Structures are given as structure tokens and as C-alpha cells.
Amino acid sequence: MYPIWEVPNLTAGIILALIATFHILPSHLSVSAMWFNIYVETKAYKENRPELLEFIKKYSLLLLIFSYVLGSLSGIGIWYAATVANPRGISGLIHNYVWGWATEWVFFIIEVTGIFIYYYTLGKVDRKTHLKIGWIFAIGSWPTMVIIVGILSFMLSPGKWPQTGSFFDGFFNQTYWSQLFMRTTLMFGISAAYAIAAATRLKNEEVRKFITKTASMWGLAGIILGSVLFLWYLKTLPAHPQELIAILAPKTLKMGMMGAAGLLVLYFIYANIKPLTIRLVPAILAIVVLFGGIFSTERMREMIRKPYIISQYMYSNQIIGKDIPAKGVSAETKIINERGILRVSPFVPQGLRDINETNLLQAGKMIALIECLSCHTLNESGLRPLPKMIKRVGLQEVETAQGFLDGLGEYPYMPTFAGTAMEKKALATYLVSLNKQ
């Protein structure tokens, strides 16, 4: 394990989630926007409406800057945050799906070069050639989603991979198709919201009206059909995530998802009825609502994967908890229980590897940093703060805290404690100290 990334009041996972949620907007827009562009551009040529090309120019520039500048930067941010937040988790994914990512990057190159060629050749090459460039971009962008969904869904529902270790057994798992079709339809809702925002900057009212009404219909279809497919996705979830939704998912996240979908449906209906009344500020607010709905959905997806970062393989605290014979991987819990987490982890300070009465508290905090920090903060405020949890449970004695640690495996969303008896005492001592702060 690498040096621990401690984020006060939040967790490293939340930082990653915020970056990843933002990244969904430009990444899904990059896959869907060109389909809308092609539709509008084709209509402009067939109906001899060159004024529509003003929108094409503005929307393509928005796509270029937002998806391929900011989106690319946030993509790098995901890789950086994932590497420092959970290096062993990202390593596990790379070892299993490096060729999947390599394939995705090939299509990403088509996207990056395609948007520049499409934007800068508008009006400079013949119509037929320009539409072909758009079609190459649009068709080449969807495989990036096809591949990434396989890797993301593998983390929650690895299918037969734990038994076979097969690339495709993990990739085409039980939630793959439902998630792929759900994201594919919802991406048109994202492109519609941004198309309406781009249309607010048009001077020609007839063009603005046409784009807003057309985009609102695309948005309605995307949000409604995507919501229906989301219900299918829920039914394809394994039993354990469904159990966690029932007992763990807060009402705020559920309301965030349903509320965002409902507000967006109303927004698109209103935009279709009163297209010329939509200004930039309401259009931006709609995108903010979209972000809120995506964040709630992504938080829910992360939550129902617990206690794993890769289901049936690696716990959220980066400890491998299951044997994968097909990959030659053995669970680490046995050796950790024998030798101790402080001896197994390479970056633990030398003075804390051997526990005694003088360093008991400091060793306990180090164990909490290693085994608890991926989901909890160690300060009073923030996301799932350990001090508040300990006070709520009422742990006053070290022996009681040790018994609490023994029962962690009974909670379906927490990994069992891994470590020696002395390390359990050290962690219990530290947890009790939090109750006295």
C-alpha cells in the first residue's frame, strides 16, 4: 500500500466521486452530442437552411472545449485520484483489463482528432464529406462507452470471473447490458440539456426555437427511457447490492435521483412549449440539476459495492479478501491475522510495527488510517466520522470495543477486522479515545 491520502472532513473516495461525477457530463456529452449535430446538419442541407449551421458551430465548439479539454483534464484527475486513493484497486483493474483500456484509448484518439477535424472543416469542405466526418466521430465514440461500462460494472458484479479469471466472464457480467443501455439513453438527455444551453446564445429566434424544441424532445426521450432502463438495472443487481439499497441507501440519495429526473422532465416539457423563454441561467440550472442526479446515482453505485472496491475480490481498504485461484491470487486476511497489518504494510513507520504499551494509541490510529479511512473520516465532522459513530455506539471500554471489532463481519457493508490480537487491542484503544474527545 502507498502512503495514505487523508482528506479532512471528506474522504479520498468522495474526492474521486466528485471528479468522476463531473467527468460523466463531458464524457457522455462527447458520445451523444455528435448524433444531435448530424441530425441538425442533415436537416440544414436537405431543407436548405444554412442558418442552422450557426448552431452547429457553437455546439461543436462547446463540445470541443468542454468534452475534450475539461473532460480530458477530469479524466486525468480520475486516474490520479484513483491511484492515490486506492492504488491496489486500480492496479487490480489494470491487471485484468489493460487491453480493454488500450482498445478504449484507440477509439478515444478517433474522438479527439475527429472533433478538431469536424469543427475546423465546417464550411471548408463539401457537405457530403463533412457529414462523413461527423458519422465517423459519432460511430467511433460509442465504443468508448461500450468498453468502460464493462470495466465499471465488473467492479460491482464480476460475474463468473472469480471462478474463471476470464476477461469476458467479468466484462459481460449480469449488470453489463442494463447499464450500457441505461447510460446510452441518458446520454441523449445530457446532450439535449447542453444543446438548449448553446441555443440560448443564438441570435436567430427561429433557429433557437427549432433547436430548443428538438433538443427538448431528445431530452424527454432520453430521461424517460433511461429511467425505465434504470429500473431494469436495479433488477439485474446481485442480491447483496439489493440488500444494501434496502438497509443502507439514505433517502437523500433516492430523492436526489428521482427529484432530478422529475425536474428534468418538467424542464424539457416547458422548453418544448415555451422555447423562446429559456435563457442561459435556467439552462445552466438544468445542468446543475443533472449533475445532482448523476452524483446521487454514482454515490448509490459506490455504496452498494461495499464492503468491496472490486466485488468478491478486494475490500474497500485494499485488502484482498477472497481467493481467485484462476488468477493465482490468495486472500491476504490469513497472513495479516498472523503477521499483523502493521508488518505487512510497507510504509508504516518503523516505531509502530511492534506494538507495546507506549505506542498503543499511535499504532491504533495507524491501523484506523489503513483499514477505516477509505470510508470514514477520523475527525468530528465530515463523511461518516468515526468519532460520532463511536459515540453513537457508546464504546467506553477497550474490551467492549474489541468485541465490536469482532462483530464487524456481521455488517454486510463492512469488511472484517484484519490483524493480530494486539493490533485489535490497539485499534480498540484508539476508538475508545475518540469517545473521550
Protein backbone atom coordinates (compact mmCIF):
# COMPACT_ATOMS: atom_id res chain seq x y z
CA MET A 1 0.00 0.00 0.00
CA TYR A 2 1.21 3.51 -0.78
CA PRO A 3 1.34 6.37 1.72
CA ILE A 4 -2.18 7.10 2.94
CA TRP A 5 -4.11 10.01 1.45
CA GLU A 6 -6.09 11.51 4.32
CA VAL A 7 -8.66 14.13 3.28
CA PRO A 8 -10.02 16.06 6.30
CA ASN A 9 -13.83 16.25 6.59
CA LEU A 10 -14.25 14.19 3.44
CA THR A 11 -12.61 11.00 2.26
CA ALA A 12 -10.36 10.27 -0.68
CA GLY A 13 -13.30 8.35 -2.12
CA ILE A 14 -15.53 11.45 -2.11
CA ILE A 15 -12.87 13.49 -3.90
CA LEU A 16 -12.71 10.76 -6.52
CA ALA A 17 -16.52 10.64 -6.71
CA LEU A 18 -16.81 14.40 -7.29
CA ILE A 19 -14.26 14.31 -10.11
CA ALA A 20 -15.86 11.20 -11.61
CA THR A 21 -19.37 12.69 -11.42
CA PHE A 22 -18.24 15.83 -13.23
CA HIS A 23 -16.44 13.66 -15.80
CA ILE A 24 -19.68 11.89 -16.67
CA LEU A 25 -21.07 15.14 -18.10
CA PRO A 26 -18.31 15.78 -20.69
CA SER A 27 -17.70 12.08 -21.37
CA HIS A 28 -21.37 11.25 -22.02
CA LEU A 29 -21.78 14.50 -23.93
CA SER A 30 -18.86 13.53 -26.17
CA VAL A 31 -20.62 10.27 -27.08
CA SER A 32 -24.06 11.75 -27.72
CA ALA A 33 -23.64 15.35 -28.95
CA MET A 34 -22.43 14.45 -32.43
CA TRP A 35 -25.60 12.44 -33.09
CA PHE A 36 -27.61 15.61 -32.47
CA ASN A 37 -25.19 17.60 -34.62
CA ILE A 38 -25.55 15.16 -37.51
CA TYR A 39 -29.34 15.35 -37.29
CA VAL A 40 -29.35 19.15 -37.36
CA GLU A 41 -26.70 19.38 -40.08
CA THR A 42 -28.52 16.87 -42.29
CA LYS A 43 -31.72 18.86 -41.88
CA ALA A 44 -29.88 22.07 -42.75
CA TYR A 45 -28.66 20.61 -46.05
CA LYS A 46 -31.88 18.82 -47.04
CA GLU A 47 -34.14 21.79 -46.29
CA ASN A 48 -31.63 24.42 -47.45
CA ARG A 49 -31.48 26.09 -44.04
CA PRO A 50 -27.90 27.34 -43.74
CA GLU A 51 -28.85 29.38 -40.67
CA LEU A 52 -28.85 26.11 -38.68
CA LEU A 53 -25.11 25.86 -39.21
CA GLU A 54 -24.64 28.70 -36.71
CA PHE A 55 -25.82 26.30 -34.01
CA ILE A 56 -23.56 23.53 -35.34
CA LYS A 57 -20.58 25.87 -35.00
CA LYS A 58 -21.44 26.90 -31.42
CA TYR A 59 -22.36 23.40 -30.25
CA SER A 60 -19.25 21.86 -31.78
CA LEU A 61 -17.06 24.47 -30.07
CA LEU A 62 -18.79 23.73 -26.76
CA LEU A 63 -18.17 20.01 -27.35
CA LEU A 64 -14.52 20.62 -28.21
CA ILE A 65 -13.78 22.77 -25.15
CA PHE A 66 -15.99 21.10 -22.56
CA SER A 67 -15.58 17.45 -23.52
CA TYR A 68 -12.08 17.38 -24.94
CA VAL A 69 -10.33 19.99 -22.80
CA LEU A 70 -12.14 19.99 -19.45
CA GLY A 71 -13.30 16.40 -19.93
CA SER A 72 -9.80 15.20 -20.73
CA LEU A 73 -8.42 17.02 -17.68
CA SER A 74 -11.06 15.49 -15.40
CA GLY A 75 -10.25 12.08 -16.91
CA ILE A 76 -6.63 12.58 -15.86
CA GLY A 77 -7.94 13.70 -12.47
CA ILE A 78 -9.81 10.40 -12.09
CA TRP A 79 -6.67 8.41 -12.81
CA TYR A 80 -4.63 10.50 -10.36
CA ALA A 81 -7.26 10.43 -7.59
CA ALA A 82 -7.89 6.70 -8.04
CA THR A 83 -4.17 5.97 -7.92
CA VAL A 84 -3.59 7.81 -4.65
CA ALA A 85 -6.94 6.90 -3.06
CA ASN A 86 -6.90 3.19 -3.83
CA PRO A 87 -3.72 2.17 -5.66
CA ARG A 88 -4.24 -1.56 -5.23
CA GLY A 89 -7.80 -1.33 -6.54
CA ILE A 90 -6.75 0.49 -9.70
CA SER A 91 -3.83 -1.92 -10.05
CA GLY A 92 -6.23 -4.86 -9.90
CA LEU A 93 -8.36 -3.34 -12.65
CA ILE A 94 -5.36 -2.61 -14.85
CA HIS A 95 -4.01 -6.16 -14.49
CA ASN A 96 -7.37 -7.57 -15.58
CA TYR A 97 -8.44 -5.01 -18.19
CA VAL A 98 -5.33 -3.33 -19.57
CA TRP A 99 -6.24 -4.44 -23.11
CA GLY A 100 -9.77 -3.16 -22.63
CA TRP A 101 -8.46 0.27 -21.72
CA ALA A 102 -5.95 0.14 -24.58
CA THR A 103 -8.82 -0.52 -27.00
CA GLU A 104 -10.84 2.32 -25.49
CA TRP A 105 -7.91 4.70 -25.96
CA VAL A 106 -7.76 3.81 -29.67
CA PHE A 107 -11.37 4.96 -30.07
CA PHE A 108 -10.66 7.98 -27.88
CA ILE A 109 -7.98 9.04 -30.38
CA ILE A 110 -10.66 8.88 -33.09
CA GLU A 111 -12.82 11.17 -30.95
CA VAL A 112 -10.09 13.70 -30.17
CA THR A 113 -8.90 14.01 -33.75
CA GLY A 114 -12.48 13.80 -35.05
CA ILE A 115 -13.83 16.80 -33.12
CA PHE A 116 -10.98 19.04 -34.28
CA ILE A 117 -11.39 17.96 -37.90
CA TYR A 118 -15.18 18.30 -37.72
CA TYR A 119 -15.09 21.78 -36.16
CA TYR A 120 -12.37 23.29 -38.32
CA THR A 121 -13.64 21.85 -41.63
CA LEU A 122 -17.21 23.14 -41.23
CA GLY A 123 -17.87 25.23 -44.33
CA LYS A 124 -14.43 24.42 -45.75
CA VAL A 125 -15.14 21.00 -47.27
CA ASP A 126 -18.16 19.80 -49.24
CA ARG A 127 -21.31 18.86 -47.34
CA LYS A 128 -21.10 15.13 -48.02
CA THR A 129 -17.51 14.92 -46.75
CA HIS A 130 -18.30 16.92 -43.62
CA LEU A 131 -21.23 14.68 -42.76
CA LYS A 132 -19.00 11.63 -43.20
CA ILE A 133 -16.55 13.14 -40.70
CA GLY A 134 -19.44 13.57 -38.28
CA TRP A 135 -20.61 9.98 -38.77
CA ILE A 136 -17.08 8.62 -38.18
CA PHE A 137 -16.89 10.64 -34.98
CA ALA A 138 -20.35 9.58 -33.75
CA ILE A 139 -19.91 5.87 -34.52
CA GLY A 140 -16.35 5.85 -33.16
CA SER A 141 -17.31 7.49 -29.87
CA TRP A 142 -19.90 4.95 -28.66
CA PRO A 143 -17.38 2.04 -28.32
CA THR A 144 -15.62 4.04 -25.59
CA MET A 145 -18.80 3.70 -23.52
CA VAL A 146 -19.22 0.05 -24.53
CA ILE A 147 -15.76 -0.73 -23.10
CA ILE A 148 -15.76 1.45 -19.99
CA VAL A 149 -19.18 0.17 -18.87
CA GLY A 150 -17.78 -3.37 -18.88
CA ILE A 151 -14.98 -2.37 -16.50
CA LEU A 152 -17.23 -0.29 -14.23
CA SER A 153 -19.93 -2.96 -14.00
CA PHE A 154 -17.26 -5.61 -13.29
CA MET A 155 -16.38 -3.79 -10.05
CA LEU A 156 -19.92 -4.33 -8.75
CA SER A 157 -20.90 -7.62 -10.37
CA PRO A 158 -17.87 -9.61 -11.60
CA GLY A 159 -19.99 -12.46 -12.95
CA LYS A 160 -18.09 -15.74 -13.29
CA TRP A 161 -14.70 -14.04 -13.13
CA PRO A 162 -13.95 -15.07 -9.51
CA GLN A 163 -14.17 -18.72 -10.66
CA THR A 164 -12.66 -18.47 -14.15
CA GLY A 165 -10.49 -15.34 -14.16
CA SER A 166 -11.66 -14.79 -17.76
CA PHE A 167 -11.61 -11.29 -19.25
CA PHE A 168 -15.01 -11.72 -20.90
CA ASP A 169 -16.65 -13.54 -17.96
CA GLY A 170 -16.00 -10.43 -15.88
CA PHE A 171 -16.70 -7.96 -18.67
CA PHE A 172 -20.08 -9.29 -19.82
CA ASN A 173 -21.47 -9.64 -16.31
CA GLN A 174 -25.08 -9.62 -15.17
CA THR A 175 -25.40 -5.80 -14.96
CA TYR A 176 -23.49 -5.01 -18.17
CA TRP A 177 -26.29 -4.75 -20.71
CA SER A 178 -28.75 -2.94 -18.46
CA GLN A 179 -26.11 -0.36 -17.50
CA LEU A 180 -24.92 0.08 -21.09
CA PHE A 181 -28.41 0.76 -22.45
CA MET A 182 -29.28 2.96 -19.47
CA ARG A 183 -26.18 5.14 -19.98
CA THR A 184 -26.72 5.21 -23.76
CA THR A 185 -30.23 6.61 -23.43
CA LEU A 186 -29.41 9.01 -20.59
CA MET A 187 -26.53 10.46 -22.59
CA PHE A 188 -29.09 11.94 -25.01
CA GLY A 189 -30.68 13.74 -22.05
CA ILE A 190 -27.25 15.21 -21.29
CA SER A 191 -26.65 16.28 -24.89
CA ALA A 192 -30.13 17.84 -25.00
CA ALA A 193 -29.51 19.94 -21.88
CA TYR A 194 -26.26 21.29 -23.34
CA ALA A 195 -27.84 21.85 -26.77
CA ILE A 196 -30.51 24.05 -25.20
CA ALA A 197 -27.82 25.96 -23.30
CA ALA A 198 -25.91 26.51 -26.55
CA ALA A 199 -29.13 27.59 -28.31
CA THR A 200 -29.68 30.41 -25.79
CA ARG A 201 -26.69 32.19 -27.36
CA LEU A 202 -28.21 32.19 -30.86
CA LYS A 203 -29.48 35.48 -32.28
CA ASN A 204 -31.87 33.96 -34.82
CA GLU A 205 -35.10 33.27 -32.91
CA GLU A 206 -36.41 30.76 -35.45
CA VAL A 207 -33.23 28.69 -35.15
CA ARG A 208 -33.29 28.98 -31.36
CA LYS A 209 -36.90 27.83 -31.30
CA PHE A 210 -36.21 24.88 -33.58
CA ILE A 211 -33.12 23.72 -31.66
CA THR A 212 -34.77 24.11 -28.24
CA LYS A 213 -37.93 22.23 -29.25
CA THR A 214 -35.96 19.47 -30.98
CA ALA A 215 -33.47 19.09 -28.12
CA SER A 216 -36.28 19.03 -25.56
CA MET A 217 -37.83 16.03 -27.32
CA TRP A 218 -34.45 14.26 -27.36
CA GLY A 219 -34.06 15.09 -23.67
CA LEU A 220 -37.53 13.83 -22.75
CA ALA A 221 -36.96 10.56 -24.58
CA GLY A 222 -33.52 10.12 -23.01
CA ILE A 223 -34.58 10.83 -19.42
CA ILE A 224 -37.83 8.82 -19.53
CA LEU A 225 -36.37 5.80 -21.32
CA GLY A 226 -33.22 5.99 -19.21
CA SER A 227 -35.32 5.97 -16.02
CA VAL A 228 -37.19 2.87 -17.21
CA LEU A 229 -33.88 1.16 -18.01
CA PHE A 230 -32.60 2.19 -14.56
CA LEU A 231 -35.39 0.09 -13.05
CA TRP A 232 -34.19 -2.82 -15.20
CA TYR A 233 -30.66 -2.17 -13.98
CA LEU A 234 -31.84 -2.42 -10.35
CA LYS A 235 -33.41 -5.80 -11.07
CA THR A 236 -30.15 -7.12 -12.57
CA LEU A 237 -28.16 -6.28 -9.44
CA PRO A 238 -26.87 -9.20 -7.36
CA ALA A 239 -28.67 -9.98 -4.10
CA HIS A 240 -26.07 -8.29 -1.88
CA PRO A 241 -26.27 -4.81 -3.52
CA GLN A 242 -30.07 -5.04 -3.49
CA GLU A 243 -29.92 -5.76 0.24
CA LEU A 244 -27.67 -2.73 0.78
CA ILE A 245 -30.10 -0.48 -1.10
CA ALA A 246 -32.84 -1.60 1.27
CA ILE A 247 -30.89 -1.13 4.52
CA LEU A 248 -28.20 1.44 3.77
CA ALA A 249 -29.18 3.86 1.00
CA PRO A 250 -30.26 7.20 2.55
CA LYS A 251 -33.45 8.90 1.43
CA THR A 252 -31.45 11.92 0.27
CA LEU A 253 -29.76 9.89 -2.47
CA LYS A 254 -33.03 8.30 -3.57
CA MET A 255 -34.71 11.71 -3.63
CA GLY A 256 -31.70 13.13 -5.48
CA MET A 257 -32.14 10.61 -8.28
CA MET A 258 -35.92 10.78 -8.53
CA GLY A 259 -36.08 14.53 -7.98
CA ALA A 260 -33.50 15.25 -10.67
CA ALA A 261 -35.29 13.02 -13.19
CA GLY A 262 -38.65 14.63 -12.40
CA LEU A 263 -37.33 18.20 -12.62
CA LEU A 264 -35.59 17.50 -15.92
CA VAL A 265 -38.75 16.02 -17.41
CA LEU A 266 -40.66 19.17 -16.40
CA TYR A 267 -37.86 21.35 -17.76
CA PHE A 268 -37.86 19.65 -21.15
CA ILE A 269 -41.66 19.82 -21.36
CA TYR A 270 -41.59 23.53 -20.59
CA ALA A 271 -38.73 24.08 -23.07
CA ASN A 272 -40.82 22.40 -25.76
CA ILE A 273 -43.88 24.51 -25.02
CA LYS A 274 -42.11 27.85 -24.41
CA PRO A 275 -38.79 27.51 -26.24
CA LEU A 276 -38.01 31.23 -26.58
CA THR A 277 -38.38 31.85 -22.84
CA ILE A 278 -35.41 29.62 -21.99
CA ARG A 279 -32.40 31.77 -21.14
CA LEU A 280 -28.85 30.87 -20.21
CA VAL A 281 -29.33 30.90 -16.42
CA PRO A 282 -32.25 28.40 -16.38
CA ALA A 283 -30.34 26.24 -18.88
CA ILE A 284 -27.31 26.19 -16.58
CA LEU A 285 -29.53 25.40 -13.58
CA ALA A 286 -30.89 22.41 -15.51
CA ILE A 287 -27.32 21.18 -15.97
CA VAL A 288 -26.73 21.66 -12.22
CA VAL A 289 -29.81 19.51 -11.54
CA LEU A 290 -28.42 16.96 -13.97
CA PHE A 291 -25.14 16.95 -12.05
CA GLY A 292 -27.02 16.42 -8.77
CA GLY A 293 -28.90 13.44 -10.17
CA ILE A 294 -25.71 11.89 -11.54
CA PHE A 295 -23.89 12.44 -8.23
CA SER A 296 -26.71 10.74 -6.29
CA THR A 297 -26.70 7.79 -8.72
CA GLU A 298 -22.92 7.40 -8.61
CA ARG A 299 -22.86 7.62 -4.80
CA MET A 300 -25.52 4.92 -4.68
CA ARG A 301 -23.48 2.73 -7.05
CA GLU A 302 -20.38 3.17 -4.90
CA MET A 303 -22.34 2.50 -1.71
CA ILE A 304 -23.88 -0.80 -2.83
CA ARG A 305 -20.45 -2.18 -3.75
CA LYS A 306 -19.42 -2.27 -0.09
CA PRO A 307 -17.54 -3.83 1.56
CA TYR A 308 -15.57 -4.25 -1.68
CA ILE A 309 -13.81 -1.97 -4.14
CA ILE A 310 -13.90 -4.94 -6.56
CA SER A 311 -16.72 -7.25 -5.58
CA GLN A 312 -15.81 -10.74 -4.37
CA TYR A 313 -12.12 -9.88 -4.62
CA MET A 314 -10.71 -6.78 -2.88
CA TYR A 315 -12.14 -4.94 0.10
CA SER A 316 -12.53 -1.15 0.04
CA ASN A 317 -9.48 -0.86 2.31
CA GLN A 318 -7.37 -2.58 -0.39
CA ILE A 319 -7.04 -5.92 1.41
CA ILE A 320 -7.61 -8.91 -0.87
CA GLY A 321 -10.35 -10.83 0.89
CA LYS A 322 -11.08 -13.71 -1.47
CA ASP A 323 -9.07 -16.39 -3.23
CA ILE A 324 -9.05 -16.16 -7.04
CA PRO A 325 -7.34 -19.47 -7.98
CA ALA A 326 -7.71 -18.85 -11.72
CA LYS A 327 -5.53 -15.74 -11.37
CA GLY A 328 -3.15 -17.25 -8.82
CA VAL A 329 -4.31 -14.81 -6.13
CA SER A 330 -4.79 -15.77 -2.48
CA ALA A 331 -6.69 -13.90 0.20
CA GLU A 332 -4.44 -11.78 2.41
CA THR A 333 -6.54 -11.87 5.56
CA LYS A 334 -4.90 -15.04 6.88
CA ILE A 335 -1.33 -13.74 6.63
CA ILE A 336 -2.40 -10.34 8.03
CA ASN A 337 -4.04 -12.05 11.00
CA GLU A 338 -0.82 -13.98 11.58
CA ARG A 339 1.80 -11.27 11.00
CA GLY A 340 -0.21 -8.09 11.53
CA ILE A 341 -1.36 -5.29 9.22
CA LEU A 342 1.41 -3.02 10.52
CA ARG A 343 4.08 -5.51 9.47
CA VAL A 344 2.52 -6.29 6.10
CA SER A 345 2.02 -2.64 5.07
CA PRO A 346 5.38 -1.37 3.74
CA PHE A 347 5.07 2.32 4.59
CA VAL A 348 4.27 2.05 8.29
CA PRO A 349 6.81 3.98 10.44
CA GLN A 350 9.38 1.62 11.94
CA GLY A 351 8.45 2.57 15.51
CA LEU A 352 4.87 1.36 15.03
CA ARG A 353 5.50 -2.07 13.56
CA ASP A 354 5.90 -3.64 17.02
CA ILE A 355 3.15 -2.64 19.42
CA ASN A 356 3.75 -2.01 23.10
CA GLU A 357 2.05 -0.07 25.87
CA THR A 358 3.89 3.16 24.95
CA ASN A 359 2.78 3.29 21.31
CA LEU A 360 -0.59 1.59 21.64
CA LEU A 361 -2.61 4.71 20.79
CA GLN A 362 -0.43 5.77 17.86
CA ALA A 363 -0.45 2.23 16.46
CA GLY A 364 -4.24 2.15 16.78
CA LYS A 365 -4.56 5.36 14.79
CA MET A 366 -2.26 3.97 12.08
CA ILE A 367 -4.44 0.85 11.83
CA ALA A 368 -7.54 3.06 11.56
CA LEU A 369 -5.86 5.01 8.76
CA ILE A 370 -5.10 1.79 6.88
CA GLU A 371 -8.34 -0.13 7.45
CA CYS A 372 -11.00 2.56 8.00
CA LEU A 373 -10.00 5.69 6.09
CA SER A 374 -11.41 4.59 2.74
CA CYS A 375 -14.93 5.06 4.12
CA HIS A 376 -14.61 7.14 7.30
CA THR A 377 -13.01 10.38 8.44
CA LEU A 378 -11.13 10.44 11.74
CA ASN A 379 -12.24 13.95 12.72
CA GLU A 380 -15.53 15.04 14.29
CA SER A 381 -17.14 16.36 11.11
CA GLY A 382 -17.29 15.13 7.58
CA LEU A 383 -18.40 11.96 5.88
CA ARG A 384 -19.18 9.05 8.22
CA PRO A 385 -16.90 10.43 11.00
CA LEU A 386 -15.54 7.72 13.28
CA PRO A 387 -15.79 9.85 16.47
CA LYS A 388 -19.54 10.36 16.00
CA MET A 389 -20.05 6.70 15.17
CA ILE A 390 -18.14 5.59 18.27
CA LYS A 391 -20.11 7.97 20.48
CA ARG A 392 -23.38 6.78 18.97
CA VAL A 393 -22.48 3.15 19.61
CA GLY A 394 -21.29 4.12 23.09
CA LEU A 395 -17.91 2.41 23.21
CA GLN A 396 -16.47 3.31 26.61
CA GLU A 397 -14.19 0.37 27.37
CA VAL A 398 -11.41 -1.25 25.36
CA GLU A 399 -12.85 -4.72 25.88
CA THR A 400 -16.25 -3.58 24.54
CA ALA A 401 -14.55 -2.01 21.52
CA GLN A 402 -12.68 -5.25 20.84
CA GLY A 403 -15.99 -7.12 20.87
CA PHE A 404 -17.37 -4.54 18.44
CA LEU A 405 -14.43 -5.17 16.10
CA ASP A 406 -15.03 -8.92 16.33
CA GLY A 407 -18.56 -8.39 15.03
CA LEU A 408 -17.73 -6.21 12.01
CA GLY A 409 -18.27 -9.13 9.64
CA GLU A 410 -21.93 -9.22 10.68
CA TYR A 411 -22.46 -5.87 8.96
CA PRO A 412 -22.97 -6.57 5.23
CA TYR A 413 -21.31 -3.29 4.25
CA MET A 414 -18.10 -3.56 6.31
CA PRO A 415 -15.07 -5.85 5.92
CA THR A 416 -13.98 -7.94 8.87
CA PHE A 417 -11.12 -6.64 11.00
CA ALA A 418 -7.75 -7.92 9.78
CA GLY A 419 -4.81 -8.01 12.18
CA THR A 420 -3.34 -9.64 15.26
CA ALA A 421 -4.91 -9.66 18.71
CA MET A 422 -2.52 -6.91 19.82
CA GLU A 423 -3.45 -4.80 16.80
CA LYS A 424 -7.12 -5.29 17.62
CA LYS A 425 -6.41 -4.01 21.12
CA ALA A 426 -4.52 -1.02 19.70
CA LEU A 427 -7.37 -0.10 17.36
CA ALA A 428 -9.90 -0.57 20.16
CA THR A 429 -7.83 1.73 22.38
CA TYR A 430 -7.81 4.39 19.70
CA LEU A 431 -11.57 4.09 19.06
CA VAL A 432 -12.30 4.47 22.77
CA SER A 433 -10.08 7.55 22.85
CA LEU A 434 -12.30 9.11 20.20
CA ASN A 435 -15.26 8.77 22.54
CA LYS A 436 -13.41 10.84 25.14
CA GLN A 437 -12.51 13.75 22.87
